[in-house]
């Protein structure tokens, strides 16, 4: 496989790791507000299982598109691959929080 393919996945994993570290550090503040819904708190009245299933399914689809784009884009599009890695890494960090903690 291509070298930048693995670099992109390392950036993706690094984004999730940094996201979790920063959220655990700043969640100690007393003025933190959490979002228990989807976008801007929408769908927060749905059962937890449905919200988790929806979020993980949506992230699975986004991750599939991401992995396909990273693999099939030309090596000259390295900046685009890294930018997609940051974007999907941020989304992955939020989905991680939503499924394990229940809020972001």
N, C-alpha and C. Protein backbone atom coordinates (compact mmCIF):
# COMPACT_ATOMS: atom_id res chain seq x y z
N UNK A 1 0.83 -1.19 0.00
CA UNK A 1 0.00 0.00 0.00
C UNK A 1 0.87 1.25 0.00
N UNK A 2 0.23 2.32 -0.30
CA UNK A 2 0.95 3.58 -0.41
C UNK A 2 1.31 4.11 0.98
N UNK A 3 2.40 4.86 1.00
CA UNK A 3 2.88 5.39 2.26
C UNK A 3 1.93 6.43 2.84
N UNK A 4 1.38 7.32 1.99
CA UNK A 4 0.50 8.36 2.50
C UNK A 4 -0.86 7.81 2.94
N UNK A 5 -1.19 6.59 2.49
CA UNK A 5 -2.40 5.93 2.96
C UNK A 5 -2.29 5.68 4.46
N UNK A 6 -1.16 5.14 4.88
CA UNK A 6 -0.95 4.86 6.31
C UNK A 6 -0.76 6.14 7.11
N UNK A 7 -0.11 7.13 6.51
CA UNK A 7 0.05 8.41 7.19
C UNK A 7 -1.30 9.05 7.46
N UNK A 8 -2.21 8.94 6.51
CA UNK A 8 -3.55 9.50 6.69
C UNK A 8 -4.28 8.82 7.84
N UNK A 9 -4.16 7.50 7.93
CA UNK A 9 -4.81 6.79 9.03
C UNK A 9 -4.16 7.10 10.37
N UNK A 10 -2.87 7.35 10.37
CA UNK A 10 -2.22 7.76 11.62
C UNK A 10 -2.71 9.14 12.06
N UNK A 11 -2.88 10.05 11.13
CA UNK A 11 -3.44 11.37 11.46
C UNK A 11 -4.85 11.22 12.00
N UNK A 12 -5.63 10.34 11.38
CA UNK A 12 -7.00 10.08 11.84
C UNK A 12 -7.00 9.59 13.29
N UNK A 13 -6.15 8.60 13.59
CA UNK A 13 -6.09 8.05 14.95
C UNK A 13 -5.55 9.09 15.94
N UNK A 14 -4.58 9.89 15.51
CA UNK A 14 -4.02 10.94 16.36
C UNK A 14 -5.08 11.98 16.70
N UNK A 15 -5.95 12.31 15.74
CA UNK A 15 -7.02 13.28 16.00
C UNK A 15 -7.99 12.76 17.06
N UNK A 16 -8.33 11.50 16.97
CA UNK A 16 -9.24 10.92 17.98
C UNK A 16 -8.57 10.92 19.35
N UNK A 17 -7.30 10.57 19.40
CA UNK A 17 -6.57 10.55 20.66
C UNK A 17 -6.49 11.94 21.28
N UNK A 18 -6.11 12.93 20.51
CA UNK A 18 -6.02 14.30 21.02
C UNK A 18 -7.40 14.81 21.43
N UNK A 19 -8.42 14.46 20.67
CA UNK A 19 -9.79 14.86 21.00
C UNK A 19 -10.19 14.31 22.37
N UNK A 20 -9.89 13.06 22.63
CA UNK A 20 -10.24 12.45 23.91
C UNK A 20 -9.44 13.03 25.06
N UNK A 21 -8.17 13.29 24.83
CA UNK A 21 -7.33 13.88 25.89
C UNK A 21 -7.82 15.27 26.25
N UNK A 22 -8.09 16.09 25.24
CA UNK A 22 -8.54 17.46 25.51
C UNK A 22 -9.92 17.49 26.15
N UNK A 23 -10.81 16.61 25.73
CA UNK A 23 -12.14 16.58 26.33
C UNK A 23 -12.08 16.12 27.78
N UNK A 24 -11.22 15.17 28.09
CA UNK A 24 -11.12 14.75 29.48
C UNK A 24 -10.48 15.83 30.34
N UNK A 25 -9.56 16.59 29.77
CA UNK A 25 -8.90 17.67 30.51
C UNK A 25 -9.88 18.82 30.76
N UNK A 26 -10.62 19.23 29.75
CA UNK A 26 -11.50 20.39 29.89
C UNK A 26 -12.87 20.05 30.48
N UNK A 27 -13.19 18.77 30.62
CA UNK A 27 -14.47 18.42 31.23
C UNK A 27 -14.47 18.63 32.73
N UNK A 28 -13.32 18.95 33.30
CA UNK A 28 -13.22 19.22 34.73
C UNK A 28 -13.76 20.61 35.07
N UNK A 29 -13.90 21.46 34.08
CA UNK A 29 -14.40 22.82 34.33
C UNK A 29 -15.88 22.77 34.72
N UNK A 30 -16.29 23.71 35.53
CA UNK A 30 -17.67 23.70 36.03
C UNK A 30 -18.66 24.27 35.02
N UNK A 31 -18.20 25.01 34.04
CA UNK A 31 -19.12 25.64 33.10
C UNK A 31 -19.28 24.85 31.80
N UNK A 32 -18.94 23.58 31.81
CA UNK A 32 -19.03 22.76 30.61
C UNK A 32 -20.48 22.34 30.40
N UNK A 33 -20.95 22.47 29.15
CA UNK A 33 -22.30 22.01 28.79
C UNK A 33 -22.15 20.90 27.78
N UNK A 34 -22.91 19.85 27.94
CA UNK A 34 -22.83 18.70 27.05
C UNK A 34 -24.02 18.65 26.12
N UNK A 35 -23.81 18.11 24.94
CA UNK A 35 -24.85 17.91 23.96
C UNK A 35 -25.23 16.43 23.98
N UNK A 36 -26.46 16.14 24.33
CA UNK A 36 -26.90 14.76 24.38
C UNK A 36 -27.69 14.35 23.16
N UNK A 37 -27.89 15.27 22.24
CA UNK A 37 -28.61 14.98 21.01
C UNK A 37 -27.69 14.78 19.84
N UNK A 38 -28.19 15.11 18.67
CA UNK A 38 -27.41 14.95 17.45
C UNK A 38 -26.78 16.29 17.10
N UNK A 39 -27.31 17.02 16.19
CA UNK A 39 -26.79 18.34 15.83
C UNK A 39 -27.62 19.39 16.56
N UNK A 40 -26.94 20.22 17.35
CA UNK A 40 -27.58 21.26 18.17
C UNK A 40 -28.64 20.69 19.11
N UNK A 41 -28.43 19.48 19.57
CA UNK A 41 -29.34 18.87 20.54
C UNK A 41 -30.58 18.23 19.94
N UNK A 42 -30.68 18.21 18.61
CA UNK A 42 -31.86 17.58 18.01
C UNK A 42 -31.83 16.07 18.26
N UNK A 43 -32.99 15.49 18.28
CA UNK A 43 -33.18 14.05 18.52
C UNK A 43 -32.72 13.61 19.90
N UNK A 44 -32.62 14.51 20.85
CA UNK A 44 -32.20 14.12 22.20
C UNK A 44 -33.31 13.37 22.94
N UNK A 45 -34.55 13.44 22.43
CA UNK A 45 -35.65 12.74 23.07
C UNK A 45 -35.79 11.28 22.60
N UNK A 46 -34.99 10.87 21.64
CA UNK A 46 -35.02 9.48 21.16
C UNK A 46 -34.36 8.56 22.18
N UNK A 47 -34.72 7.28 22.18
CA UNK A 47 -34.04 6.33 23.08
C UNK A 47 -32.54 6.25 22.77
N UNK A 48 -31.78 5.95 23.79
CA UNK A 48 -30.33 5.93 23.67
C UNK A 48 -29.86 4.92 22.62
N UNK A 49 -30.46 3.75 22.59
CA UNK A 49 -30.04 2.71 21.65
C UNK A 49 -30.20 3.16 20.20
N UNK A 50 -31.27 3.87 19.92
CA UNK A 50 -31.50 4.34 18.56
C UNK A 50 -30.50 5.43 18.20
N UNK A 51 -30.20 6.32 19.15
CA UNK A 51 -29.20 7.36 18.88
C UNK A 51 -27.82 6.75 18.63
N UNK A 52 -27.44 5.76 19.43
CA UNK A 52 -26.14 5.12 19.25
C UNK A 52 -26.08 4.38 17.92
N UNK A 53 -27.13 3.65 17.59
CA UNK A 53 -27.16 2.92 16.33
C UNK A 53 -27.09 3.87 15.14
N UNK A 54 -27.81 4.97 15.22
CA UNK A 54 -27.79 5.95 14.14
C UNK A 54 -26.42 6.58 13.98
N UNK A 55 -25.80 6.98 15.08
CA UNK A 55 -24.50 7.63 15.02
C UNK A 55 -23.42 6.67 14.51
N UNK A 56 -23.39 5.45 15.00
CA UNK A 56 -22.36 4.51 14.57
C UNK A 56 -22.56 4.09 13.12
N UNK A 57 -23.80 3.96 12.68
CA UNK A 57 -24.06 3.62 11.28
C UNK A 57 -23.63 4.76 10.36
N UNK A 58 -23.97 5.97 10.75
CA UNK A 58 -23.58 7.13 9.96
C UNK A 58 -22.06 7.26 9.92
N UNK A 59 -21.39 7.06 11.04
CA UNK A 59 -19.94 7.13 11.05
C UNK A 59 -19.32 6.00 10.24
N UNK A 60 -19.89 4.82 10.28
CA UNK A 60 -19.39 3.71 9.46
C UNK A 60 -19.44 4.05 7.98
N UNK A 61 -20.52 4.68 7.55
CA UNK A 61 -20.65 5.09 6.16
C UNK A 61 -19.62 6.17 5.82
N UNK A 62 -19.47 7.17 6.71
CA UNK A 62 -18.49 8.24 6.48
C UNK A 62 -17.07 7.66 6.46
N UNK A 63 -16.77 6.72 7.35
CA UNK A 63 -15.44 6.12 7.37
C UNK A 63 -15.18 5.30 6.12
N UNK A 64 -16.18 4.62 5.61
CA UNK A 64 -16.02 3.88 4.36
C UNK A 64 -15.71 4.82 3.21
N UNK A 65 -16.43 5.93 3.12
CA UNK A 65 -16.15 6.92 2.08
C UNK A 65 -14.75 7.50 2.24
N UNK A 66 -14.37 7.79 3.47
CA UNK A 66 -13.04 8.32 3.76
C UNK A 66 -11.95 7.34 3.32
N UNK A 67 -12.07 6.08 3.72
CA UNK A 67 -11.05 5.09 3.37
C UNK A 67 -10.97 4.89 1.86
N UNK A 68 -12.11 4.93 1.20
CA UNK A 68 -12.12 4.80 -0.26
C UNK A 68 -11.43 5.98 -0.92
N UNK A 69 -11.74 7.18 -0.46
CA UNK A 69 -11.11 8.37 -1.03
C UNK A 69 -9.61 8.37 -0.78
N UNK A 70 -9.21 8.03 0.43
CA UNK A 70 -7.78 8.02 0.75
C UNK A 70 -7.04 7.02 -0.13
N UNK A 71 -7.65 5.89 -0.38
CA UNK A 71 -6.99 4.86 -1.16
C UNK A 71 -6.93 5.22 -2.65
N UNK A 72 -8.02 5.77 -3.20
CA UNK A 72 -8.09 5.98 -4.64
C UNK A 72 -7.62 7.35 -5.11
N UNK A 73 -7.43 8.30 -4.21
CA UNK A 73 -6.90 9.60 -4.64
C UNK A 73 -5.43 9.45 -5.03
N UNK A 74 -5.01 10.29 -5.93
CA UNK A 74 -3.62 10.22 -6.40
C UNK A 74 -2.67 10.69 -5.29
N UNK A 75 -1.42 10.27 -5.37
CA UNK A 75 -0.44 10.70 -4.36
C UNK A 75 -0.20 12.20 -4.34
N UNK A 76 -0.54 12.91 -5.41
CA UNK A 76 -0.36 14.36 -5.45
C UNK A 76 -1.37 15.08 -4.57
N UNK A 77 -2.44 14.42 -4.18
CA UNK A 77 -3.49 15.04 -3.35
C UNK A 77 -3.23 14.78 -1.88
N UNK A 78 -1.98 14.89 -1.46
CA UNK A 78 -1.60 14.57 -0.08
C UNK A 78 -2.25 15.52 0.92
N UNK A 79 -2.32 16.80 0.60
CA UNK A 79 -2.93 17.78 1.52
C UNK A 79 -4.42 17.49 1.69
N UNK A 80 -5.09 17.12 0.60
CA UNK A 80 -6.51 16.77 0.69
C UNK A 80 -6.71 15.53 1.56
N UNK A 81 -5.84 14.56 1.42
CA UNK A 81 -5.95 13.34 2.24
C UNK A 81 -5.75 13.65 3.72
N UNK A 82 -4.79 14.50 4.02
CA UNK A 82 -4.54 14.85 5.41
C UNK A 82 -5.68 15.69 5.97
N UNK A 83 -6.25 16.58 5.16
CA UNK A 83 -7.38 17.39 5.61
C UNK A 83 -8.61 16.51 5.88
N UNK A 84 -8.85 15.54 5.01
CA UNK A 84 -9.94 14.59 5.26
C UNK A 84 -9.70 13.78 6.52
N UNK A 85 -8.44 13.48 6.79
CA UNK A 85 -8.11 12.72 8.00
C UNK A 85 -8.45 13.53 9.25
N UNK A 86 -8.13 14.82 9.24
CA UNK A 86 -8.48 15.68 10.37
C UNK A 86 -10.00 15.77 10.54
N UNK A 87 -10.72 15.94 9.43
CA UNK A 87 -12.17 16.07 9.50
C UNK A 87 -12.82 14.80 10.04
N UNK A 88 -12.47 13.67 9.47
CA UNK A 88 -13.09 12.41 9.89
C UNK A 88 -12.59 12.01 11.28
N UNK A 89 -11.38 12.39 11.64
CA UNK A 89 -10.90 12.15 13.00
C UNK A 89 -11.71 12.91 14.04
N UNK A 90 -12.06 14.15 13.73
CA UNK A 90 -12.92 14.92 14.62
C UNK A 90 -14.31 14.32 14.75
N UNK A 91 -14.84 13.88 13.63
CA UNK A 91 -16.15 13.22 13.66
C UNK A 91 -16.06 11.93 14.47
N UNK A 92 -14.97 11.18 14.28
CA UNK A 92 -14.78 9.93 15.02
C UNK A 92 -14.68 10.15 16.52
N UNK A 93 -14.01 11.24 16.93
CA UNK A 93 -13.92 11.56 18.35
C UNK A 93 -15.28 11.85 18.96
N UNK A 94 -16.12 12.55 18.21
CA UNK A 94 -17.47 12.85 18.71
C UNK A 94 -18.33 11.60 18.76
N UNK A 95 -18.21 10.73 17.78
CA UNK A 95 -18.98 9.48 17.79
C UNK A 95 -18.49 8.59 18.94
N UNK A 96 -17.20 8.58 19.18
CA UNK A 96 -16.64 7.82 20.31
C UNK A 96 -17.28 8.29 21.63
N UNK A 97 -17.34 9.62 21.82
CA UNK A 97 -17.95 10.17 23.03
C UNK A 97 -19.44 9.81 23.09
N UNK A 98 -20.09 9.91 21.99
CA UNK A 98 -21.53 9.68 21.97
C UNK A 98 -21.86 8.23 22.31
N UNK A 99 -21.07 7.29 21.82
CA UNK A 99 -21.38 5.89 22.08
C UNK A 99 -20.91 5.43 23.46
N UNK A 100 -19.76 5.90 23.94
CA UNK A 100 -19.24 5.41 25.21
C UNK A 100 -19.68 6.26 26.40
N UNK A 101 -19.73 7.58 26.22
CA UNK A 101 -20.08 8.47 27.33
C UNK A 101 -21.56 8.84 27.29
N UNK A 102 -22.11 8.94 26.08
CA UNK A 102 -23.52 9.29 25.94
C UNK A 102 -23.74 10.76 25.64
N UNK A 103 -22.69 11.55 25.62
CA UNK A 103 -22.81 12.96 25.31
C UNK A 103 -21.46 13.48 24.82
N UNK A 104 -21.49 14.63 24.18
CA UNK A 104 -20.26 15.25 23.68
C UNK A 104 -20.06 16.58 24.30
